[in-house]
């Protein structure tokens, strides 16, 4: 694998697996490329909620908008430039309000493998 640069226009955003809301993800690097992590972008429309038992360690960087991430122990609100870490095994709820959000993410290991 070589050094690469990506932007959100490079991502083919598709509906996030296992849900029917307006939440879309697009992997740019994943198991097909031979690296150990998945890297991609996410787009959350306004007023969306996604609850997920984390099957992988997930790092999400908010690029635009705002969202909140709730777990049993705490709730954090994140905006542009903020990073949210969601550890494997934690059940989280990601929610947007009026403006939605655009994120970048890195997971370990590859999340698509656990959603097959």
Protein backbone atom coordinates (compact mmCIF):
# COMPACT_ATOMS: atom_id res chain seq x y z
CA UNK A 1 0.00 0.00 0.00
CA UNK A 2 1.32 3.47 -0.84
CA UNK A 3 0.83 6.92 0.70
CA UNK A 4 -2.52 8.31 -0.43
CA UNK A 5 -4.66 11.41 0.09
CA UNK A 6 -8.46 11.33 0.15
CA UNK A 7 -11.33 13.81 0.22
CA UNK A 8 -15.02 13.22 0.78
CA UNK A 9 -15.67 13.46 -2.96
CA UNK A 10 -13.63 10.25 -3.34
CA UNK A 11 -16.06 8.29 -1.12
CA UNK A 12 -19.02 6.33 -2.47
CA UNK A 13 -21.44 7.04 0.38
CA UNK A 14 -23.98 4.26 0.97
CA UNK A 15 -26.56 3.71 3.71
CA UNK A 16 -24.90 2.52 6.90
CA UNK A 17 -25.35 -1.27 7.30
CA UNK A 18 -28.23 -2.44 9.46
CA UNK A 19 -30.19 0.81 9.59
CA UNK A 20 -32.71 2.69 7.48
CA UNK A 21 -32.07 6.31 8.53
CA UNK A 22 -30.30 8.97 6.51
CA UNK A 23 -26.83 7.96 7.65
CA UNK A 24 -24.25 7.15 5.00
CA UNK A 25 -20.71 5.79 5.06
CA UNK A 26 -18.02 5.39 2.45
CA UNK A 27 -14.87 3.36 3.01
CA UNK A 28 -11.76 4.55 1.20
CA UNK A 29 -9.33 2.04 2.72
CA UNK A 30 -10.46 -1.31 4.08
CA UNK A 31 -9.72 -5.04 4.03
CA UNK A 32 -9.60 -5.01 0.22
CA UNK A 33 -6.50 -2.80 0.32
CA UNK A 34 -4.37 -4.91 2.67
CA UNK A 35 -4.05 -2.42 5.54
CA UNK A 36 -5.01 -3.17 9.18
CA UNK A 37 -7.65 -0.39 9.51
CA UNK A 38 -10.72 0.95 7.76
CA UNK A 39 -10.72 4.66 6.84
CA UNK A 40 -13.67 6.55 5.44
CA UNK A 41 -16.27 9.29 5.68
CA UNK A 42 -19.75 9.46 7.17
CA UNK A 43 -22.66 11.79 6.53
CA UNK A 44 -25.49 12.13 9.07
CA UNK A 45 -28.61 14.04 8.01
CA UNK A 46 -30.37 16.24 10.59
CA UNK A 47 -32.40 14.53 13.34
CA UNK A 48 -30.87 11.06 12.94
CA UNK A 49 -30.17 8.52 15.66
CA UNK A 50 -28.08 5.36 15.40
CA UNK A 51 -27.57 2.92 18.29
CA UNK A 52 -24.78 0.42 17.78
CA UNK A 53 -22.93 -2.15 19.88
CA UNK A 54 -19.37 -1.41 18.84
CA UNK A 55 -17.88 -4.52 17.23
CA UNK A 56 -14.61 -2.65 16.52
CA UNK A 57 -12.63 0.22 18.02
CA UNK A 58 -13.86 3.36 16.20
CA UNK A 59 -12.36 6.84 16.05
CA UNK A 60 -14.65 9.51 14.55
CA UNK A 61 -13.48 13.02 13.61
CA UNK A 62 -16.24 15.60 13.16
CA UNK A 63 -15.57 17.71 10.07
CA UNK A 64 -18.86 19.64 9.80
CA UNK A 65 -21.95 20.05 11.97
CA UNK A 66 -22.49 18.62 15.44
CA UNK A 67 -23.45 15.30 16.96
CA UNK A 68 -23.69 13.67 20.34
CA UNK A 69 -22.45 10.24 21.32
CA UNK A 70 -24.03 8.61 24.38
CA UNK A 71 -22.93 5.48 26.21
CA UNK A 72 -23.95 4.02 29.55
CA UNK A 73 -21.36 6.11 31.36
CA UNK A 74 -21.48 9.49 29.59
CA UNK A 75 -22.62 11.70 26.71
CA UNK A 76 -20.26 13.86 24.67
CA UNK A 77 -21.15 16.51 22.11
CA UNK A 78 -18.69 17.02 19.27
CA UNK A 79 -18.29 19.67 16.59
CA UNK A 80 -15.76 20.49 13.86
CA UNK A 81 -12.27 19.38 14.81
CA UNK A 82 -13.39 17.17 17.71
CA UNK A 83 -12.46 13.50 17.92
CA UNK A 84 -14.68 10.85 19.55
CA UNK A 85 -13.31 7.43 20.51
CA UNK A 86 -15.84 4.58 20.77
CA UNK A 87 -14.24 1.42 22.19
CA UNK A 88 -15.08 -2.09 21.09
CA UNK A 89 -17.79 -3.60 23.28
CA UNK A 90 -19.45 -0.27 24.20
CA UNK A 91 -23.05 0.36 23.09
CA UNK A 92 -23.32 3.92 21.79
CA UNK A 93 -26.06 6.13 20.43
CA UNK A 94 -24.99 8.73 17.87
CA UNK A 95 -27.49 11.55 17.36
CA UNK A 96 -27.67 14.70 15.27
CA UNK A 97 -29.89 17.72 15.71
CA UNK A 98 -30.80 20.46 13.22
CA UNK A 99 -27.62 20.61 11.17
CA UNK A 100 -26.50 16.98 10.78
CA UNK A 101 -22.80 16.15 10.55
CA UNK A 102 -19.99 15.03 8.28
CA UNK A 103 -17.32 12.82 9.85
CA UNK A 104 -14.17 10.93 9.01
CA UNK A 105 -13.50 7.61 10.72
CA UNK A 106 -10.82 5.02 11.39
CA UNK A 107 -11.72 1.58 12.74
CA UNK A 108 -9.68 -1.37 13.92
CA UNK A 109 -10.16 -4.00 12.76
CA UNK A 110 -12.22 -3.62 9.60
CA UNK A 111 -15.87 -2.92 10.49
CA UNK A 112 -17.29 -4.31 7.24
CA UNK A 113 -16.01 -7.78 8.13
CA UNK A 114 -18.09 -7.87 11.31
CA UNK A 115 -21.27 -6.68 9.51
CA UNK A 116 -21.33 -9.50 6.93
